Each structure stands twice: as structure tokens, then as C-alpha cells.
N, C-alpha and C. Protein backbone atom coordinates (compact mmCIF):
# COMPACT_ATOMS: atom_id res chain seq x y z
N MET A 1 0.84 -1.18 0.00
CA MET A 1 0.00 0.00 0.00
C MET A 1 0.89 1.25 0.00
N PRO A 2 0.68 2.17 -0.93
CA PRO A 2 1.57 3.33 -1.05
C PRO A 2 1.36 4.40 0.03
N VAL A 3 0.26 4.33 0.80
CA VAL A 3 0.01 5.29 1.87
C VAL A 3 -0.27 4.52 3.16
N LEU A 4 0.60 4.70 4.15
CA LEU A 4 0.44 4.02 5.44
C LEU A 4 0.17 5.06 6.52
N LEU A 5 -0.78 4.77 7.40
CA LEU A 5 -1.09 5.66 8.51
C LEU A 5 -0.67 5.01 9.81
N GLN A 6 -0.03 5.80 10.66
CA GLN A 6 0.37 5.37 12.00
C GLN A 6 0.06 6.51 12.96
N TYR A 7 -0.19 6.15 14.23
CA TYR A 7 -0.56 7.16 15.22
C TYR A 7 0.30 7.05 16.46
N GLU A 8 0.72 8.19 16.96
CA GLU A 8 1.50 8.27 18.18
C GLU A 8 0.59 8.90 19.24
N ARG A 9 0.06 8.04 20.13
CA ARG A 9 -0.95 8.47 21.10
C ARG A 9 -0.46 9.52 22.09
N ARG A 10 0.71 9.30 22.64
CA ARG A 10 1.20 10.18 23.70
C ARG A 10 1.29 11.63 23.23
N HIS A 11 1.75 11.84 21.99
CA HIS A 11 1.90 13.20 21.46
C HIS A 11 0.80 13.59 20.49
N GLN A 12 -0.10 12.66 20.22
CA GLN A 12 -1.23 12.89 19.31
C GLN A 12 -0.77 13.41 17.94
N ILE A 13 0.05 12.56 17.31
CA ILE A 13 0.57 12.86 15.98
C ILE A 13 0.21 11.72 15.03
N LEU A 14 -0.41 12.06 13.91
CA LEU A 14 -0.70 11.09 12.86
C LEU A 14 0.46 11.12 11.87
N LEU A 15 1.03 9.96 11.59
CA LEU A 15 2.12 9.84 10.63
C LEU A 15 1.56 9.27 9.34
N ILE A 16 1.76 9.99 8.25
CA ILE A 16 1.31 9.55 6.92
C ILE A 16 2.57 9.26 6.12
N ARG A 17 2.79 7.98 5.83
CA ARG A 17 3.99 7.58 5.08
C ARG A 17 3.60 7.24 3.63
N PHE A 18 4.27 7.89 2.71
CA PHE A 18 4.10 7.59 1.29
C PHE A 18 5.29 6.78 0.84
N GLU A 19 5.02 5.72 0.05
CA GLU A 19 6.09 4.84 -0.41
C GLU A 19 5.94 4.53 -1.89
N GLY A 20 7.06 4.25 -2.54
CA GLY A 20 7.05 3.85 -3.94
C GLY A 20 6.72 5.01 -4.85
N VAL A 21 5.95 4.72 -5.87
CA VAL A 21 5.54 5.73 -6.85
C VAL A 21 4.32 6.47 -6.31
N VAL A 22 4.41 7.79 -6.24
CA VAL A 22 3.29 8.60 -5.78
C VAL A 22 2.78 9.42 -6.97
N THR A 23 1.51 9.19 -7.29
CA THR A 23 0.83 9.88 -8.38
C THR A 23 -0.21 10.83 -7.79
N ASP A 24 -0.86 11.60 -8.66
CA ASP A 24 -1.96 12.46 -8.22
C ASP A 24 -3.00 11.64 -7.46
N GLU A 25 -3.36 10.50 -8.04
CA GLU A 25 -4.41 9.67 -7.43
C GLU A 25 -4.00 9.17 -6.04
N ILE A 26 -2.76 8.76 -5.90
CA ILE A 26 -2.29 8.25 -4.61
C ILE A 26 -2.24 9.37 -3.58
N LEU A 27 -1.75 10.55 -3.98
CA LEU A 27 -1.70 11.68 -3.06
C LEU A 27 -3.11 12.07 -2.60
N LEU A 28 -4.05 12.14 -3.54
CA LEU A 28 -5.43 12.50 -3.19
C LEU A 28 -6.09 11.40 -2.35
N GLU A 29 -5.78 10.15 -2.63
CA GLU A 29 -6.28 9.05 -1.80
C GLU A 29 -5.76 9.18 -0.37
N GLY A 30 -4.50 9.51 -0.23
CA GLY A 30 -3.92 9.72 1.10
C GLY A 30 -4.62 10.85 1.83
N TYR A 31 -4.90 11.94 1.13
CA TYR A 31 -5.61 13.07 1.72
C TYR A 31 -6.99 12.65 2.21
N GLN A 32 -7.69 11.88 1.39
CA GLN A 32 -9.04 11.43 1.77
C GLN A 32 -8.99 10.47 2.97
N ARG A 33 -8.00 9.61 3.01
CA ARG A 33 -7.86 8.69 4.16
C ARG A 33 -7.60 9.47 5.44
N VAL A 34 -6.76 10.48 5.36
CA VAL A 34 -6.48 11.30 6.54
C VAL A 34 -7.74 12.04 6.96
N ARG A 35 -8.47 12.59 6.01
CA ARG A 35 -9.72 13.30 6.32
C ARG A 35 -10.70 12.37 7.02
N ARG A 36 -10.87 11.15 6.51
CA ARG A 36 -11.79 10.19 7.14
C ARG A 36 -11.32 9.84 8.56
N TRP A 37 -10.00 9.66 8.72
CA TRP A 37 -9.47 9.33 10.04
C TRP A 37 -9.76 10.47 11.02
N TYR A 38 -9.52 11.70 10.60
CA TYR A 38 -9.79 12.86 11.44
C TYR A 38 -11.28 12.97 11.77
N ASP A 39 -12.14 12.70 10.80
CA ASP A 39 -13.58 12.77 11.05
C ASP A 39 -14.00 11.77 12.12
N THR A 40 -13.33 10.62 12.18
CA THR A 40 -13.66 9.58 13.15
C THR A 40 -12.97 9.80 14.49
N HIS A 41 -11.72 10.21 14.49
CA HIS A 41 -10.90 10.26 15.70
C HIS A 41 -10.62 11.66 16.24
N GLY A 42 -10.96 12.68 15.50
CA GLY A 42 -10.65 14.04 15.91
C GLY A 42 -9.34 14.53 15.31
N ARG A 43 -9.16 15.82 15.35
CA ARG A 43 -7.98 16.44 14.76
C ARG A 43 -6.77 16.30 15.66
N CYS A 44 -5.61 16.21 15.04
CA CYS A 44 -4.34 16.15 15.76
C CYS A 44 -3.26 16.63 14.80
N GLY A 45 -2.04 16.75 15.29
CA GLY A 45 -0.93 17.12 14.42
C GLY A 45 -0.61 15.98 13.47
N ASN A 46 0.20 16.29 12.45
CA ASN A 46 0.62 15.20 11.56
C ASN A 46 1.99 15.45 10.96
N ILE A 47 2.58 14.35 10.55
CA ILE A 47 3.83 14.35 9.79
C ILE A 47 3.58 13.54 8.52
N SER A 48 3.79 14.16 7.37
CA SER A 48 3.70 13.47 6.09
C SER A 48 5.13 13.14 5.66
N ASP A 49 5.43 11.86 5.58
CA ASP A 49 6.80 11.40 5.32
C ASP A 49 6.91 10.82 3.92
N PHE A 50 7.71 11.47 3.09
CA PHE A 50 7.93 11.04 1.71
C PHE A 50 9.30 10.38 1.52
N THR A 51 9.90 9.91 2.61
CA THR A 51 11.22 9.30 2.55
C THR A 51 11.25 8.06 1.65
N GLY A 52 10.20 7.27 1.68
CA GLY A 52 10.17 6.02 0.91
C GLY A 52 9.71 6.17 -0.53
N VAL A 53 9.58 7.38 -1.01
CA VAL A 53 9.10 7.61 -2.38
C VAL A 53 10.23 7.38 -3.38
N THR A 54 9.92 6.58 -4.41
CA THR A 54 10.90 6.31 -5.46
C THR A 54 10.65 7.15 -6.72
N ASP A 55 9.40 7.58 -6.93
CA ASP A 55 9.06 8.43 -8.06
C ASP A 55 7.88 9.30 -7.63
N PHE A 56 7.99 10.60 -7.86
CA PHE A 56 6.96 11.55 -7.44
C PHE A 56 6.35 12.16 -8.69
N ALA A 57 5.26 11.57 -9.16
CA ALA A 57 4.60 11.99 -10.39
C ALA A 57 3.30 12.72 -10.06
N VAL A 58 3.41 13.79 -9.29
CA VAL A 58 2.27 14.58 -8.85
C VAL A 58 2.29 15.91 -9.59
N SER A 59 1.12 16.31 -10.09
CA SER A 59 1.03 17.54 -10.87
C SER A 59 0.87 18.76 -9.97
N ALA A 60 1.28 19.89 -10.49
CA ALA A 60 1.08 21.16 -9.79
C ALA A 60 -0.41 21.41 -9.58
N ARG A 61 -1.23 20.95 -10.49
CA ARG A 61 -2.69 21.12 -10.35
C ARG A 61 -3.21 20.44 -9.09
N SER A 62 -2.75 19.24 -8.80
CA SER A 62 -3.18 18.54 -7.58
C SER A 62 -2.70 19.26 -6.33
N ILE A 63 -1.48 19.78 -6.38
CA ILE A 63 -0.95 20.52 -5.24
C ILE A 63 -1.79 21.77 -5.00
N ARG A 64 -2.13 22.49 -6.07
CA ARG A 64 -2.96 23.69 -5.94
C ARG A 64 -4.34 23.34 -5.39
N PHE A 65 -4.91 22.23 -5.85
CA PHE A 65 -6.21 21.79 -5.34
C PHE A 65 -6.16 21.52 -3.84
N LEU A 66 -5.16 20.77 -3.39
CA LEU A 66 -5.05 20.47 -1.97
C LEU A 66 -4.79 21.73 -1.15
N ALA A 67 -3.98 22.62 -1.68
CA ALA A 67 -3.66 23.86 -0.96
C ALA A 67 -4.87 24.78 -0.84
N SER A 68 -5.83 24.64 -1.74
CA SER A 68 -7.01 25.52 -1.71
C SER A 68 -8.06 25.07 -0.69
N ASN A 69 -7.87 23.90 -0.09
CA ASN A 69 -8.82 23.39 0.90
C ASN A 69 -8.54 23.97 2.28
N THR A 70 -9.57 24.00 3.11
CA THR A 70 -9.38 24.36 4.51
C THR A 70 -8.44 23.35 5.13
N PRO A 71 -7.45 23.79 5.88
CA PRO A 71 -6.48 22.86 6.46
C PRO A 71 -7.14 21.80 7.34
N LEU A 72 -6.66 20.56 7.23
CA LEU A 72 -7.15 19.48 8.08
C LEU A 72 -6.62 19.63 9.50
N VAL A 73 -5.45 20.23 9.64
CA VAL A 73 -4.80 20.38 10.94
C VAL A 73 -5.03 21.80 11.45
N PRO A 74 -5.67 21.93 12.62
CA PRO A 74 -5.90 23.27 13.16
C PRO A 74 -4.61 24.01 13.49
N GLU A 75 -4.69 25.32 13.46
CA GLU A 75 -3.55 26.18 13.80
C GLU A 75 -3.02 25.80 15.18
N GLY A 76 -1.71 25.80 15.31
CA GLY A 76 -1.09 25.51 16.59
C GLY A 76 -0.68 24.06 16.78
N LEU A 77 -1.10 23.18 15.88
CA LEU A 77 -0.69 21.78 15.97
C LEU A 77 0.43 21.50 14.97
N VAL A 78 1.21 20.48 15.26
CA VAL A 78 2.34 20.09 14.41
C VAL A 78 1.84 19.71 13.01
N ARG A 79 2.52 20.25 12.02
CA ARG A 79 2.25 19.88 10.63
C ARG A 79 3.58 19.96 9.89
N ILE A 80 4.12 18.78 9.58
CA ILE A 80 5.45 18.70 9.00
C ILE A 80 5.42 17.82 7.76
N ILE A 81 6.15 18.21 6.74
CA ILE A 81 6.37 17.38 5.56
C ILE A 81 7.85 17.02 5.52
N VAL A 82 8.13 15.73 5.41
CA VAL A 82 9.50 15.24 5.24
C VAL A 82 9.71 15.03 3.75
N ALA A 83 10.60 15.83 3.17
CA ALA A 83 10.80 15.83 1.73
C ALA A 83 12.29 15.73 1.39
N PRO A 84 12.83 14.51 1.39
CA PRO A 84 14.26 14.37 1.10
C PRO A 84 14.60 14.60 -0.39
N ARG A 85 13.65 14.35 -1.26
CA ARG A 85 13.88 14.52 -2.71
C ARG A 85 13.60 15.97 -3.12
N ASP A 86 14.35 16.47 -4.09
CA ASP A 86 14.16 17.85 -4.54
C ASP A 86 12.78 18.07 -5.14
N ASP A 87 12.26 17.10 -5.91
CA ASP A 87 10.94 17.28 -6.52
C ASP A 87 9.84 17.34 -5.47
N VAL A 88 9.93 16.51 -4.45
CA VAL A 88 8.94 16.53 -3.37
C VAL A 88 9.08 17.83 -2.58
N TYR A 89 10.31 18.24 -2.31
CA TYR A 89 10.53 19.49 -1.58
C TYR A 89 9.93 20.68 -2.33
N GLY A 90 10.14 20.72 -3.63
CA GLY A 90 9.60 21.81 -4.44
C GLY A 90 8.08 21.85 -4.41
N MET A 91 7.46 20.69 -4.51
CA MET A 91 6.00 20.64 -4.46
C MET A 91 5.48 21.00 -3.06
N ALA A 92 6.21 20.61 -2.03
CA ALA A 92 5.82 20.97 -0.67
C ALA A 92 5.88 22.48 -0.48
N ARG A 93 6.91 23.10 -1.01
CA ARG A 93 7.02 24.57 -0.94
C ARG A 93 5.88 25.23 -1.73
N MET A 94 5.53 24.66 -2.88
CA MET A 94 4.42 25.19 -3.67
C MET A 94 3.13 25.10 -2.84
N PHE A 95 2.90 23.95 -2.20
CA PHE A 95 1.72 23.77 -1.35
C PHE A 95 1.71 24.82 -0.25
N GLU A 96 2.86 25.04 0.37
CA GLU A 96 2.96 26.02 1.46
C GLU A 96 2.62 27.42 0.96
N MET A 97 3.18 27.82 -0.17
CA MET A 97 2.94 29.16 -0.71
C MET A 97 1.51 29.32 -1.18
N GLN A 98 0.99 28.33 -1.92
CA GLN A 98 -0.37 28.41 -2.43
C GLN A 98 -1.41 28.37 -1.31
N GLY A 99 -1.09 27.60 -0.27
CA GLY A 99 -2.06 27.41 0.81
C GLY A 99 -1.98 28.41 1.94
N SER A 100 -1.03 29.33 1.88
CA SER A 100 -0.87 30.26 2.99
C SER A 100 -2.12 31.11 3.21
N ALA A 101 -2.83 31.44 2.15
CA ALA A 101 -4.06 32.21 2.29
C ALA A 101 -5.15 31.43 3.01
N MET A 102 -5.07 30.10 2.95
CA MET A 102 -6.07 29.24 3.61
C MET A 102 -5.61 28.85 5.02
N GLY A 103 -4.44 29.30 5.43
CA GLY A 103 -3.93 28.94 6.75
C GLY A 103 -3.15 27.65 6.75
N ASN A 104 -2.69 27.21 5.59
CA ASN A 104 -1.92 25.98 5.49
C ASN A 104 -0.48 26.22 5.91
N ARG A 105 -0.27 26.45 7.19
CA ARG A 105 1.07 26.63 7.74
C ARG A 105 1.69 25.27 8.01
N LEU A 106 2.94 25.11 7.62
CA LEU A 106 3.62 23.84 7.86
C LEU A 106 5.11 24.05 7.85
N ASP A 107 5.81 23.03 8.33
CA ASP A 107 7.26 23.01 8.28
C ASP A 107 7.68 21.93 7.30
N ILE A 108 8.74 22.20 6.55
CA ILE A 108 9.26 21.24 5.59
C ILE A 108 10.70 20.94 5.99
N VAL A 109 10.99 19.65 6.14
CA VAL A 109 12.34 19.22 6.51
C VAL A 109 12.82 18.17 5.51
N ARG A 110 14.11 17.89 5.53
CA ARG A 110 14.70 16.96 4.57
C ARG A 110 14.81 15.53 5.07
N ASN A 111 14.72 15.31 6.40
CA ASN A 111 14.82 13.93 6.89
C ASN A 111 13.90 13.72 8.10
N PHE A 112 13.58 12.46 8.33
CA PHE A 112 12.60 12.09 9.35
C PHE A 112 13.08 12.45 10.76
N GLN A 113 14.36 12.32 11.01
CA GLN A 113 14.89 12.67 12.34
C GLN A 113 14.67 14.15 12.66
N ASP A 114 14.83 15.00 11.67
CA ASP A 114 14.56 16.43 11.87
C ASP A 114 13.09 16.66 12.17
N ALA A 115 12.21 15.91 11.53
CA ALA A 115 10.76 16.03 11.80
C ALA A 115 10.45 15.63 13.24
N LEU A 116 11.04 14.53 13.69
CA LEU A 116 10.81 14.09 15.07
C LEU A 116 11.30 15.15 16.06
N GLN A 117 12.48 15.69 15.79
CA GLN A 117 13.04 16.71 16.67
C GLN A 117 12.15 17.97 16.69
N LEU A 118 11.73 18.41 15.52
CA LEU A 118 10.88 19.60 15.40
C LEU A 118 9.54 19.40 16.12
N ALA A 119 9.01 18.18 16.06
CA ALA A 119 7.73 17.87 16.71
C ALA A 119 7.88 17.61 18.21
N GLY A 120 9.13 17.53 18.67
CA GLY A 120 9.36 17.26 20.09
C GLY A 120 9.09 15.82 20.46
N LEU A 121 9.31 14.92 19.52
CA LEU A 121 9.05 13.50 19.75
C LEU A 121 10.35 12.78 20.11
N ASP A 122 10.51 12.46 21.37
CA ASP A 122 11.64 11.64 21.78
C ASP A 122 11.10 10.24 22.05
N GLN A 123 11.66 9.27 21.43
CA GLN A 123 11.23 7.87 21.53
C GLN A 123 9.74 7.70 21.19
N PRO A 124 9.34 8.10 19.99
CA PRO A 124 7.93 7.96 19.62
C PRO A 124 7.53 6.49 19.47
N ASP A 125 6.27 6.23 19.69
CA ASP A 125 5.72 4.88 19.57
C ASP A 125 4.55 4.93 18.59
N PHE A 126 4.87 4.89 17.30
CA PHE A 126 3.84 4.94 16.26
C PHE A 126 3.20 3.56 16.13
N GLU A 127 1.88 3.52 16.14
CA GLU A 127 1.12 2.28 15.98
C GLU A 127 0.38 2.33 14.66
N ALA A 128 0.30 1.19 13.99
CA ALA A 128 -0.44 1.11 12.72
C ALA A 128 -1.91 1.47 12.94
N VAL A 129 -2.48 2.19 12.02
CA VAL A 129 -3.88 2.59 12.07
C VAL A 129 -4.67 1.61 11.23
N THR A 130 -5.73 1.08 11.80
CA THR A 130 -6.65 0.25 11.04
C THR A 130 -7.90 1.08 10.75
N GLU A 131 -8.34 1.00 9.53
CA GLU A 131 -9.48 1.84 9.14
C GLU A 131 -10.74 1.03 9.10
């Protein structure tokens, strides 16, 4: 499965891991899965991790669409994108710039350890999410 969800209860952080080839459809599917999870469990911070991505075939149109939505994560909660690849980093920056008018504030880092540090997660215990 190209989108995996895990939850860290103690810090209330949802981890969204993307793996392999990520297309528009996969990115939008991941967004919908996170939305459904939030609708059921309530809002919390999140980390979107693109470390396992081998090909990022996402269009600027999809990024603009996602950025135009009301943020899923309320202001004041952790929202981090891990973007080790230049193409993912560029699209994350586009999302940040396009979504700033909608309140899409986020941090973008290059590796997962930096995301954990930024989120204040020492020894996190992420558990698989069953839907």
C-alpha cells in the first residue's frame, strides 16, 4: 500500500507515510484517508513522510487543489512534511505558498529525524492505524 497511517498516542501525531511511486491519485487518496481518520478520531498534528518515495509523479494542479482546501490540521498543531527529494521538496514549498491564504502553515524538513526533533518526539511509539 503506497500510503500508510500510523498514530503516536502520547503526542497525538498522525504519521502519513508515502512509499514507492506517488501519483496524483495516490496523493489524493492519502488526503481522503487522513480526512476520514480525522472525522472519526478528531484532529491532531501530523507528519507526512515522503522518505520512501521512489518516483513523485504529482502535478502542480493537484498541489494547488489540496492547498485551496481548509487545512485538516488546526492552527497551533504540528504539521510537518518530510521531503528528502528535490521534486517533493519543491511541491511541498508550492503547497505552502499556495495554501498560505487558507492557513496551510507547515514546516518542511529533509529527513525524518529532523521532523521528530521539530515535533518534540523523543522515543515515539507509532502504531499502525486500522481503518
